[in-house]
Amino acid sequence: MKQSAETEIGERSAARKKFLVLVNPASNGGRGLRAWTRWAPFLPGAEAVILRSIGEAGERAAGARNVDAVVAVGGDGTVSAVADGLLRNPSETLPLGVLYAGTSPDFCTFHQIPLEPSVALETLRSGGVEPVEVLKIAHNGKTAHFLCSCNLGIGADVAARANVLRPYLGDRFGTFCALLVSLLKHPRFDYTVNGESFPACGHMLITKMPYIAGGLALDLPRTAEGEYLLWHTRARSFPGWMRLLVKLYRKEKCGELRRCSGTIRIEARTPCRVEYDGDPHGMLPVEISVAPRKLMLIKGGGQP
């Protein structure tokens, strides 16, 4: 089949750089592996690793040497794991590239990383490398990083259900159905943040970006360096949740917001699940702060 001029240029140019490509074959029901199989010929100098687990992504990125960039092929969870590894790599200038093959591209949307594979390939070749702040989370005896948001309580329940439904129902409708099931439980949690009480909360998240998942977004202000946001909403009736969802899909103001810096410790009176970057990660308590080291990211334009 005849190649397009854009693909031929991308093939020749990308060959000038050496990439370590970390492929999550399970992303989006196998889309990650299929996407890489299609585009591998256009990165002839790449060293590709088909990951056996999400934990391997971080270890491979942390140990990467003698490459120009480490490229994540998968969804937000894969991208987050690779980024976490890069933030542990001795080289503080080794950048992250993304060939997205997941279901809810919040991180890519925020940083204007293209989703169309041929354009994403060109971005790997010619996109600028920019340092971006990410958040650090400590819990369950370990420390990790997240790129999108950390969701507590209902958010973790929704993420677990949505990961099952999205490959069959799509990003938006799968997330919406997961939300409906979770909201029917009328959950509420009593949190404390650095000792301050946040009673009867329905949802709490910590983030530096407005996107939640599956088309849901918040009307959030920009954050200064070293700053992040804590957003929460009180528990409500099912009709009240439906009104809130309309606002979230329209990206209207809702809930309560505060700016944070330094470290916050979040606890709950009852067992409460923790989710970040699309996947459940155990239970509260957690400690969250801005990571001292910035992630070097290959991206398109500036932030939206």
C-alpha atoms as a PDB file:
ATOM      1  CA  MET A   1       0.000   0.000   0.000  1.00  0.00           C
ATOM      2  CA  LYS A   2       1.343   3.422  -0.903  1.00  0.00           C
ATOM      3  CA  GLN A   3       2.486   5.539   2.048  1.00  0.00           C
ATOM      4  CA  SER A   4       1.356   9.133   2.468  1.00  0.00           C
ATOM      5  CA  ALA A   5       3.945  11.895   2.313  1.00  0.00           C
ATOM      6  CA  GLU A   6       3.345  12.666   5.994  1.00  0.00           C
ATOM      7  CA  THR A   7       3.993   9.038   6.984  1.00  0.00           C
ATOM      8  CA  GLU A   8       7.171   8.867   4.862  1.00  0.00           C
ATOM      9  CA  ILE A   9       8.494  12.038   6.499  1.00  0.00           C
ATOM     10  CA  GLY A  10       7.578  10.696   9.946  1.00  0.00           C
ATOM     11  CA  GLU A  11       9.351   7.403   9.220  1.00  0.00           C
ATOM     12  CA  ARG A  12      12.563   9.030   8.036  1.00  0.00           C
ATOM     13  CA  SER A  13      12.650  11.634  10.802  1.00  0.00           C
ATOM     14  CA  ALA A  14      11.731   9.357  13.687  1.00  0.00           C
ATOM     15  CA  ALA A  15      14.539   6.998  12.695  1.00  0.00           C
ATOM     16  CA  ARG A  16      17.024   9.678  13.752  1.00  0.00           C
ATOM     17  CA  LYS A  17      16.048   9.246  17.399  1.00  0.00           C
ATOM     18  CA  LYS A  18      16.301   6.218  19.622  1.00  0.00           C
ATOM     19  CA  PHE A  19      13.179   5.430  21.604  1.00  0.00           C
ATOM     20  CA  LEU A  20      12.413   2.941  24.331  1.00  0.00           C
ATOM     21  CA  VAL A  21       8.742   2.088  23.703  1.00  0.00           C
ATOM     22  CA  LEU A  22       6.793   0.535  26.570  1.00  0.00           C
ATOM     23  CA  VAL A  23       3.600  -1.109  25.299  1.00  0.00           C
ATOM     24  CA  ASN A  24       0.726  -2.122  27.565  1.00  0.00           C
ATOM     25  CA  PRO A  25      -0.955  -4.924  25.569  1.00  0.00           C
ATOM     26  CA  ALA A  26      -4.010  -4.894  27.849  1.00  0.00           C
ATOM     27  CA  SER A  27      -4.896  -1.223  27.358  1.00  0.00           C
ATOM     28  CA  ASN A  28      -8.421  -0.692  26.045  1.00  0.00           C
ATOM     29  CA  GLY A  29      -9.134  -4.352  25.441  1.00  0.00           C
ATOM     30  CA  GLY A  30      -5.936  -4.986  23.465  1.00  0.00           C
ATOM     31  CA  ARG A  31      -5.895  -1.750  21.488  1.00  0.00           C
ATOM     32  CA  GLY A  32      -2.453  -0.896  22.855  1.00  0.00           C
ATOM     33  CA  LEU A  33      -0.820  -3.908  21.268  1.00  0.00           C
ATOM     34  CA  ARG A  34      -2.725  -3.536  18.000  1.00  0.00           C
ATOM     35  CA  ALA A  35      -1.761   0.139  17.766  1.00  0.00           C
ATOM     36  CA  TRP A  36       1.908  -0.608  18.331  1.00  0.00           C
ATOM     37  CA  THR A  37       1.898  -3.442  15.774  1.00  0.00           C
ATOM     38  CA  ARG A  38       0.585  -0.974  13.212  1.00  0.00           C
ATOM     39  CA  TRP A  39       3.082   1.783  13.943  1.00  0.00           C
ATOM     40  CA  ALA A  40       6.228  -0.160  14.851  1.00  0.00           C
ATOM     41  CA  PRO A  41       7.554  -0.034  11.231  1.00  0.00           C
ATOM     42  CA  PHE A  42       7.628   3.776  11.436  1.00  0.00           C
ATOM     43  CA  LEU A  43       9.943   3.771  14.477  1.00  0.00           C
ATOM     44  CA  PRO A  44      12.643   1.445  13.122  1.00  0.00           C
ATOM     45  CA  GLY A  45      15.220   2.491  15.713  1.00  0.00           C
ATOM     46  CA  ALA A  46      12.934   1.824  18.669  1.00  0.00           C
ATOM     47  CA  GLU A  47      13.442  -0.776  21.336  1.00  0.00           C
ATOM     48  CA  ALA A  48       9.964  -2.089  22.135  1.00  0.00           C
ATOM     49  CA  VAL A  49       8.992  -3.879  25.323  1.00  0.00           C
ATOM     50  CA  ILE A  50       5.613  -5.606  25.583  1.00  0.00           C
ATOM     51  CA  LEU A  51       4.849  -5.174  29.261  1.00  0.00           C
ATOM     52  CA  ARG A  52       3.864  -8.111  31.417  1.00  0.00           C
ATOM     53  CA  SER A  53       2.472  -5.851  34.150  1.00  0.00           C
ATOM     54  CA  ILE A  54       1.879  -2.179  34.851  1.00  0.00           C
ATOM     55  CA  GLY A  55       4.627  -2.320  37.471  1.00  0.00           C
ATOM     56  CA  GLU A  56       7.139  -3.301  34.807  1.00  0.00           C
ATOM     57  CA  ALA A  57       6.443  -0.008  33.009  1.00  0.00           C
ATOM     58  CA  GLY A  58       7.826   1.984  35.920  1.00  0.00           C
ATOM     59  CA  GLU A  59      10.858  -0.235  36.388  1.00  0.00           C
ATOM     60  CA  ARG A  60      11.769  -0.141  32.692  1.00  0.00           C
ATOM     61  CA  ALA A  61      11.442   3.655  32.591  1.00  0.00           C
ATOM     62  CA  ALA A  62      13.473   4.059  35.771  1.00  0.00           C
ATOM     63  CA  GLY A  63      16.275   1.969  34.287  1.00  0.00           C
ATOM     64  CA  ALA A  64      16.256   3.442  30.769  1.00  0.00           C
ATOM     65  CA  ARG A  65      19.705   4.399  29.453  1.00  0.00           C
ATOM     66  CA  ASN A  66      21.147   5.625  26.146  1.00  0.00           C
ATOM     67  CA  VAL A  67      17.804   6.585  24.571  1.00  0.00           C
ATOM     68  CA  ASP A  68      16.384   9.925  23.470  1.00  0.00           C
ATOM     69  CA  ALA A  69      12.957   9.362  25.024  1.00  0.00           C
ATOM     70  CA  VAL A  70      10.772   6.756  26.701  1.00  0.00           C
ATOM     71  CA  VAL A  71       7.420   6.343  24.943  1.00  0.00           C
ATOM     72  CA  ALA A  72       4.285   5.025  26.649  1.00  0.00           C
ATOM     73  CA  VAL A  73       1.787   3.115  24.489  1.00  0.00           C
ATOM     74  CA  GLY A  74      -1.436   2.681  26.452  1.00  0.00           C
ATOM     75  CA  GLY A  75      -3.941   4.613  28.540  1.00  0.00           C
ATOM     76  CA  ASP A  76      -3.603   7.095  31.388  1.00  0.00           C
ATOM     77  CA  GLY A  77      -2.589   4.366  33.828  1.00  0.00           C
ATOM     78  CA  THR A  78       0.267   3.273  31.558  1.00  0.00           C
ATOM     79  CA  VAL A  79       1.370   6.854  30.932  1.00  0.00           C
ATOM     80  CA  SER A  80       1.320   7.507  34.681  1.00  0.00           C
ATOM     81  CA  ALA A  81       3.377   4.393  35.448  1.00  0.00           C
ATOM     82  CA  VAL A  82       6.007   5.289  32.831  1.00  0.00           C
ATOM     83  CA  ALA A  83       6.161   8.859  34.127  1.00  0.00           C
ATOM     84  CA  ASP A  84       6.594   7.585  37.680  1.00  0.00           C
ATOM     85  CA  GLY A  85       9.553   5.534  36.513  1.00  0.00           C
ATOM     86  CA  LEU A  86      11.109   8.460  34.660  1.00  0.00           C
ATOM     87  CA  LEU A  87      10.905  10.564  37.807  1.00  0.00           C
ATOM     88  CA  ARG A  88      13.081   7.902  39.455  1.00  0.00           C
ATOM     89  CA  ASN A  89      15.531   7.715  36.540  1.00  0.00           C
ATOM     90  CA  PRO A  90      18.990   9.184  37.285  1.00  0.00           C
ATOM     91  CA  SER A  91      18.671  11.380  34.178  1.00  0.00           C
ATOM     92  CA  GLU A  92      16.518  14.405  34.945  1.00  0.00           C
ATOM     93  CA  THR A  93      16.315  15.350  31.250  1.00  0.00           C
ATOM     94  CA  LEU A  94      15.028  12.065  29.770  1.00  0.00           C
ATOM     95  CA  PRO A  95      11.585  12.925  28.335  1.00  0.00           C
ATOM     96  CA  LEU A  96       8.286  11.093  28.148  1.00  0.00           C
ATOM     97  CA  GLY A  97       6.533  10.610  24.804  1.00  0.00           C
ATOM     98  CA  VAL A  98       2.996   9.285  24.389  1.00  0.00           C
ATOM     99  CA  LEU A  99       1.294   7.176  21.738  1.00  0.00           C
ATOM    100  CA  TYR A 100      -2.144   7.055  23.306  1.00  0.00           C
ATOM    101  CA  ALA A 101      -4.144   3.820  23.143  1.00  0.00           C
ATOM    102  CA  GLY A 102      -6.472   4.140  26.127  1.00  0.00           C
ATOM    103  CA  THR A 103     -10.071   5.155  26.710  1.00  0.00           C
ATOM    104  CA  SER A 104     -10.078   8.526  28.509  1.00  0.00           C
ATOM    105  CA  PRO A 105      -7.261  10.793  27.263  1.00  0.00           C
ATOM    106  CA  ASP A 106      -7.405  13.464  29.958  1.00  0.00           C
ATOM    107  CA  PHE A 107      -3.653  13.951  30.273  1.00  0.00           C
ATOM    108  CA  CYS A 108      -3.209  14.177  26.499  1.00  0.00           C
ATOM    109  CA  THR A 109      -6.105  16.611  26.158  1.00  0.00           C
ATOM    110  CA  PHE A 110      -4.705  18.934  28.807  1.00  0.00           C
ATOM    111  CA  HIS A 111      -1.198  18.965  27.358  1.00  0.00           C
ATOM    112  CA  GLN A 112      -2.285  18.976  23.704  1.00  0.00           C
ATOM    113  CA  ILE A 113      -0.644  15.665  22.892  1.00  0.00           C
ATOM    114  CA  PRO A 114      -2.249  14.430  19.652  1.00  0.00           C
ATOM    115  CA  LEU A 115      -4.256  11.217  19.692  1.00  0.00           C
ATOM    116  CA  GLU A 116      -4.111  10.405  15.967  1.00  0.00           C
ATOM    117  CA  PRO A 117      -1.118   8.054  15.660  1.00  0.00           C
ATOM    118  CA  SER A 118       0.590   9.639  12.646  1.00  0.00           C
ATOM    119  CA  VAL A 119       0.397  13.099  14.204  1.00  0.00           C
ATOM    120  CA  ALA A 120       1.551  11.704  17.545  1.00  0.00           C
ATOM    121  CA  LEU A 121       4.527  10.155  15.729  1.00  0.00           C
ATOM    122  CA  GLU A 122       5.433  13.527  14.251  1.00  0.00           C
ATOM    123  CA  THR A 123       5.144  15.067  17.738  1.00  0.00           C
ATOM    124  CA  LEU A 124       7.694  12.554  19.022  1.00  0.00           C
ATOM    125  CA  ARG A 125      10.055  13.779  16.318  1.00  0.00           C
ATOM    126  CA  SER A 126       9.552  17.528  16.415  1.00  0.00           C
ATOM    127  CA  GLY A 127       7.479  18.384  19.484  1.00  0.00           C
ATOM    128  CA  GLY A 128       9.072  20.527  22.146  1.00  0.00           C
ATOM    129  CA  VAL A 129      10.132  19.131  25.510  1.00  0.00           C
ATOM    130  CA  GLU A 130       8.624  21.028  28.421  1.00  0.00           C
ATOM    131  CA  PRO A 131       8.960  20.500  32.170  1.00  0.00           C
ATOM    132  CA  VAL A 132       5.570  19.944  33.817  1.00  0.00           C
ATOM    133  CA  GLU A 133       4.642  19.646  37.466  1.00  0.00           C
ATOM    134  CA  VAL A 134       3.062  16.431  38.679  1.00  0.00           C
ATOM    135  CA  LEU A 135       1.740  15.381  42.066  1.00  0.00           C
ATOM    136  CA  LYS A 136       3.335  12.932  44.464  1.00  0.00           C
ATOM    137  CA  ILE A 137       1.259  10.568  46.586  1.00  0.00           C
ATOM    138  CA  ALA A 138       2.376   8.496  49.561  1.00  0.00           C
ATOM    139  CA  HIS A 139       0.143   5.720  50.887  1.00  0.00           C
ATOM    140  CA  ASN A 140       0.180   2.060  51.822  1.00  0.00           C
ATOM    141  CA  GLY A 141       3.900   2.272  52.504  1.00  0.00           C
ATOM    142  CA  LYS A 142       4.875   3.431  49.026  1.00  0.00           C
ATOM    143  CA  THR A 143       5.374   6.656  47.068  1.00  0.00           C
ATOM    144  CA  ALA A 144       4.152   7.214  43.515  1.00  0.00           C
ATOM    145  CA  HIS A 145       3.197  10.070  41.173  1.00  0.00           C
ATOM    146  CA  PHE A 146       0.010  10.912  39.320  1.00  0.00           C
ATOM    147  CA  LEU A 147      -0.504  13.096  36.272  1.00  0.00           C
ATOM    148  CA  CYS A 148      -4.263  13.664  36.166  1.00  0.00           C
ATOM    149  CA  SER A 149      -6.255  13.492  39.395  1.00  0.00           C
ATOM    150  CA  CYS A 150      -6.632  11.530  42.604  1.00  0.00           C
ATOM    151  CA  ASN A 151     -10.260  10.652  43.375  1.00  0.00           C
ATOM    152  CA  LEU A 152     -11.515   9.414  46.728  1.00  0.00           C
ATOM    153  CA  GLY A 153     -14.518   7.323  47.661  1.00  0.00           C
ATOM    154  CA  ILE A 154     -17.051   7.356  44.867  1.00  0.00           C
ATOM    155  CA  GLY A 155     -14.405   8.301  42.302  1.00  0.00           C
ATOM    156  CA  ALA A 156     -12.502   5.076  42.977  1.00  0.00           C
ATOM    157  CA  ASP A 157     -15.695   3.030  42.655  1.00  0.00           C
ATOM    158  CA  VAL A 158     -16.534   4.711  39.348  1.00  0.00           C
ATOM    159  CA  ALA A 159     -13.030   4.127  37.994  1.00  0.00           C
ATOM    160  CA  ALA A 160     -13.159   0.418  38.763  1.00  0.00           C
ATOM    161  CA  ARG A 161     -16.530  -0.013  37.034  1.00  0.00           C
ATOM    162  CA  ALA A 162     -15.687   2.287  34.119  1.00  0.00           C
ATOM    163  CA  ASN A 163     -12.515   0.340  33.310  1.00  0.00           C
ATOM    164  CA  VAL A 164     -14.694  -2.710  32.761  1.00  0.00           C
ATOM    165  CA  LEU A 165     -17.412  -0.928  30.766  1.00  0.00           C
ATOM    166  CA  ARG A 166     -15.449   1.472  28.541  1.00  0.00           C
ATOM    167  CA  PRO A 167     -14.032  -1.118  26.110  1.00  0.00           C
ATOM    168  CA  TYR A 168     -17.620  -2.179  25.327  1.00  0.00           C
ATOM    169  CA  LEU A 169     -19.603   1.059  25.733  1.00  0.00           C
ATOM    170  CA  GLY A 170     -17.031   3.709  24.848  1.00  0.00           C
ATOM    171  CA  ASP A 171     -15.399   6.337  27.045  1.00  0.00           C
ATOM    172  CA  ARG A 172     -18.290   8.703  27.716  1.00  0.00           C
ATOM    173  CA  PHE A 173     -21.179   6.228  27.901  1.00  0.00           C
ATOM    174  CA  GLY A 174     -19.140   3.686  29.860  1.00  0.00           C
ATOM    175  CA  THR A 175     -18.166   6.323  32.413  1.00  0.00           C
ATOM    176  CA  PHE A 176     -21.756   7.582  32.607  1.00  0.00           C
ATOM    177  CA  CYS A 177     -23.117   4.085  33.307  1.00  0.00           C
ATOM    178  CA  ALA A 178     -20.460   3.500  35.965  1.00  0.00           C
ATOM    179  CA  LEU A 179     -21.454   6.784  37.581  1.00  0.00           C
ATOM    180  CA  LEU A 180     -25.131   5.866  37.670  1.00  0.00           C
ATOM    181  CA  VAL A 181     -24.453   2.561  39.399  1.00  0.00           C
ATOM    182  CA  SER A 182     -22.192   4.196  41.992  1.00  0.00           C
ATOM    183  CA  LEU A 183     -24.510   7.140  42.670  1.00  0.00           C
ATOM    184  CA  LEU A 184     -27.453   4.853  43.362  1.00  0.00           C
ATOM    185  CA  LYS A 185     -25.614   3.860  46.537  1.00  0.00           C
ATOM    186  CA  HIS A 186     -25.818   7.475  47.841  1.00  0.00           C
ATOM    187  CA  PRO A 187     -22.272   7.286  49.248  1.00  0.00           C
ATOM    188  CA  ARG A 188     -20.954   9.737  51.830  1.00  0.00           C
ATOM    189  CA  PHE A 189     -17.579   9.989  53.523  1.00  0.00           C
ATOM    190  CA  ASP A 190     -16.279  11.986  56.471  1.00  0.00           C
ATOM    191  CA  TYR A 191     -12.772  13.183  55.616  1.00  0.00           C
ATOM    192  CA  THR A 192     -10.129  15.092  57.507  1.00  0.00           C
ATOM    193  CA  VAL A 193      -7.511  17.102  55.601  1.00  0.00           C
ATOM    194  CA  ASN A 194      -4.546  18.039  57.794  1.00  0.00           C
ATOM    195  CA  GLY A 195      -6.891  17.652  60.759  1.00  0.00           C
ATOM    196  CA  GLU A 196      -9.686  19.814  59.317  1.00  0.00           C
ATOM    197  CA  SER A 197     -13.055  18.104  59.091  1.00  0.00           C
ATOM    198  CA  PHE A 198     -14.851  17.642  55.760  1.00  0.00           C
ATOM    199  CA  PRO A 199     -18.053  15.843  56.794  1.00  0.00           C
ATOM    200  CA  ALA A 200     -20.630  14.092  54.600  1.00  0.00           C
ATOM    201  CA  CYS A 201     -18.718  14.414  51.309  1.00  0.00           C
ATOM    202  CA  GLY A 202     -19.922  12.663  48.202  1.00  0.00           C
ATOM    203  CA  HIS A 203     -16.724  13.127  46.218  1.00  0.00           C
ATOM    204  CA  MET A 204     -13.270  14.597  46.729  1.00  0.00           C
ATOM    205  CA  LEU A 205     -10.451  14.992  44.233  1.00  0.00           C
ATOM    206  CA  ILE A 206      -6.978  16.478  44.110  1.00  0.00           C
ATOM    207  CA  THR A 207      -5.643  17.737  40.797  1.00  0.00           C
ATOM    208  CA  LYS A 208      -3.837  20.343  38.723  1.00  0.00           C
ATOM    209  CA  MET A 209      -6.108  19.970  35.669  1.00  0.00           C
ATOM    210  CA  PRO A 210      -9.865  20.342  35.037  1.00  0.00           C
ATOM    211  CA  TYR A 211     -10.548  16.976  33.393  1.00  0.00           C
ATOM    212  CA  ILE A 212     -11.948  14.113  35.452  1.00  0.00           C
ATOM    213  CA  ALA A 213     -12.865  11.312  33.020  1.00  0.00           C
ATOM    214  CA  GLY A 214     -15.224  10.405  30.197  1.00  0.00           C
ATOM    215  CA  GLY A 215     -16.216  13.965  29.297  1.00  0.00           C
ATOM    216  CA  LEU A 216     -16.568  15.129  32.922  1.00  0.00           C
ATOM    217  CA  ALA A 217     -14.677  18.322  33.715  1.00  0.00           C
ATOM    218  CA  LEU A 218     -14.512  21.031  36.365  1.00  0.00           C
ATOM    219  CA  ASP A 219     -14.377  24.790  35.964  1.00  0.00           C
ATOM    220  CA  LEU A 220     -11.029  25.221  37.698  1.00  0.00           C
ATOM    221  CA  PRO A 221      -8.601  28.138  37.879  1.00  0.00           C
ATOM    222  CA  ARG A 222      -5.042  27.790  36.699  1.00  0.00           C
ATOM    223  CA  THR A 223      -2.546  26.805  39.349  1.00  0.00           C
ATOM    224  CA  ALA A 224       0.689  28.563  40.170  1.00  0.00           C
ATOM    225  CA  GLU A 225       3.962  26.691  40.447  1.00  0.00           C
ATOM    226  CA  GLY A 226       3.987  24.561  43.570  1.00  0.00           C
ATOM    227  CA  GLU A 227       0.201  24.758  43.860  1.00  0.00           C
ATOM    228  CA  TYR A 228      -2.616  22.271  43.333  1.00  0.00           C
ATOM    229  CA  LEU A 229      -6.351  22.096  43.930  1.00  0.00           C
ATOM    230  CA  LEU A 230      -8.640  20.181  46.266  1.00  0.00           C
ATOM    231  CA  TRP A 231     -12.275  19.969  45.122  1.00  0.00           C
ATOM    232  CA  HIS A 232     -15.152  18.339  46.964  1.00  0.00           C
ATOM    233  CA  THR A 233     -18.904  18.169  46.940  1.00  0.00           C
ATOM    234  CA  ARG A 234     -21.304  17.220  49.687  1.00  0.00           C
ATOM    235  CA  ALA A 235     -23.340  14.027  49.488  1.00  0.00           C
ATOM    236  CA  ARG A 236     -26.793  14.532  47.983  1.00  0.00           C
ATOM    237  CA  SER A 237     -29.910  12.748  46.794  1.00  0.00           C
ATOM    238  CA  PHE A 238     -29.931  10.916  43.466  1.00  0.00           C
ATOM    239  CA  PRO A 239     -31.768  13.803  41.716  1.00  0.00           C
ATOM    240  CA  GLY A 240     -29.182  16.136  43.221  1.00  0.00           C
ATOM    241  CA  TRP A 241     -26.384  14.045  41.762  1.00  0.00           C
ATOM    242  CA  MET A 242     -28.044  14.188  38.349  1.00  0.00           C
ATOM    243  CA  ARG A 243     -28.126  17.988  38.484  1.00  0.00           C
ATOM    244  CA  LEU A 244     -24.463  17.992  39.469  1.00  0.00           C
ATOM    245  CA  LEU A 245     -23.561  15.701  36.569  1.00  0.00           C
ATOM    246  CA  VAL A 246     -25.181  18.104  34.114  1.00  0.00           C
ATOM    247  CA  LYS A 247     -22.899  20.826  35.453  1.00  0.00           C
ATOM    248  CA  LEU A 248     -19.857  18.599  35.197  1.00  0.00           C
ATOM    249  CA  TYR A 249     -20.602  17.676  31.579  1.00  0.00           C
ATOM    250  CA  ARG A 250     -21.050  21.377  30.833  1.00  0.00           C
ATOM    251  CA  LYS A 251     -17.901  22.280  32.799  1.00  0.00           C
ATOM    252  CA  GLU A 252     -19.853  24.701  34.999  1.00  0.00           C
ATOM    253  CA  LYS A 253     -18.934  25.888  38.483  1.00  0.00           C
ATOM    254  CA  CYS A 254     -20.020  23.523  41.250  1.00  0.00           C
ATOM    255  CA  GLY A 255     -18.804  22.055  44.510  1.00  0.00           C
ATOM    256  CA  GLU A 256     -16.252  23.645  46.821  1.00  0.00           C
ATOM    257  CA  LEU A 257     -12.649  24.406  45.925  1.00  0.00           C
ATOM    258  CA  ARG A 258      -9.489  25.377  47.712  1.00  0.00           C
ATOM    259  CA  ARG A 259      -5.899  25.941  46.658  1.00  0.00           C
ATOM    260  CA  CYS A 260      -3.214  23.857  48.340  1.00  0.00           C
ATOM    261  CA  SER A 261       0.557  23.887  48.646  1.00  0.00           C
ATOM    262  CA  GLY A 262       2.964  21.842  50.657  1.00  0.00           C
ATOM    263  CA  THR A 263       1.746  18.449  51.882  1.00  0.00           C
ATOM    264  CA  ILE A 264      -1.793  17.487  52.775  1.00  0.00           C
ATOM    265  CA  ARG A 265      -2.747  14.330  54.656  1.00  0.00           C
ATOM    266  CA  ILE A 266      -6.227  12.975  53.968  1.00  0.00           C
ATOM    267  CA  GLU A 267      -7.949  10.457  56.228  1.00  0.00           C
ATOM    268  CA  ALA A 268     -11.470   9.093  56.549  1.00  0.00           C
ATOM    269  CA  ARG A 269     -13.492   7.715  59.448  1.00  0.00           C
ATOM    270  CA  THR A 270     -14.601   4.699  57.421  1.00  0.00           C
ATOM    271  CA  PRO A 271     -12.682   2.642  54.830  1.00  0.00           C
ATOM    272  CA  CYS A 272     -12.303   4.695  51.660  1.00  0.00           C
ATOM    273  CA  ARG A 273     -10.767   3.662  48.361  1.00  0.00           C
ATOM    274  CA  VAL A 274      -8.162   5.713  46.500  1.00  0.00           C
ATOM    275  CA  GLU A 275      -7.969   6.072  42.719  1.00  0.00           C
ATOM    276  CA  TYR A 276      -5.541   8.045  40.614  1.00  0.00           C
ATOM    277  CA  ASP A 277      -4.985   8.244  36.874  1.00  0.00           C
ATOM    278  CA  GLY A 278      -7.853   5.867  36.183  1.00  0.00           C
ATOM    279  CA  ASP A 279      -6.966   2.916  38.424  1.00  0.00           C
ATOM    280  CA  PRO A 280      -7.742   1.967  42.059  1.00  0.00           C
ATOM    281  CA  HIS A 281      -4.703   2.039  44.361  1.00  0.00           C
ATOM    282  CA  GLY A 282      -5.689   0.869  47.818  1.00  0.00           C
ATOM    283  CA  MET A 283      -7.183   2.815  50.710  1.00  0.00           C
ATOM    284  CA  LEU A 284      -6.840   6.031  52.690  1.00  0.00           C
ATOM    285  CA  PRO A 285      -4.921   7.633  54.342  1.00  0.00           C
ATOM    286  CA  VAL A 286      -2.746   9.402  51.762  1.00  0.00           C
ATOM    287  CA  GLU A 287      -0.277  12.266  51.749  1.00  0.00           C
ATOM    288  CA  ILE A 288      -0.155  14.424  48.611  1.00  0.00           C
ATOM    289  CA  SER A 289       2.221  17.173  47.498  1.00  0.00           C
ATOM    290  CA  VAL A 290       3.783  18.636  44.357  1.00  0.00           C
ATOM    291  CA  ALA A 291       6.678  16.415  43.289  1.00  0.00           C
ATOM    292  CA  PRO A 292      10.041  18.118  43.811  1.00  0.00           C
ATOM    293  CA  ARG A 293      11.159  17.050  40.337  1.00  0.00           C
ATOM    294  CA  LYS A 294       9.375  18.041  37.122  1.00  0.00           C
ATOM    295  CA  LEU A 295       8.482  15.602  34.368  1.00  0.00           C
ATOM    296  CA  MET A 296      10.087  16.318  30.984  1.00  0.00           C
ATOM    297  CA  LEU A 297       7.245  15.896  28.482  1.00  0.00           C
ATOM    298  CA  ILE A 298       7.211  15.811  24.680  1.00  0.00           C
ATOM    299  CA  LYS A 299       4.094  17.760  23.776  1.00  0.00           C
ATOM    300  CA  GLY A 300       2.413  19.746  21.050  1.00  0.00           C
ATOM    301  CA  GLY A 301       1.277  23.271  21.901  1.00  0.00           C
ATOM    302  CA  GLY A 302       0.854  25.010  25.237  1.00  0.00           C
ATOM    303  CA  GLN A 303      -1.774  24.239  27.838  1.00  0.00           C
ATOM    304  CA  PRO A 304      -5.371  24.921  26.761  1.00  0.00           C
END
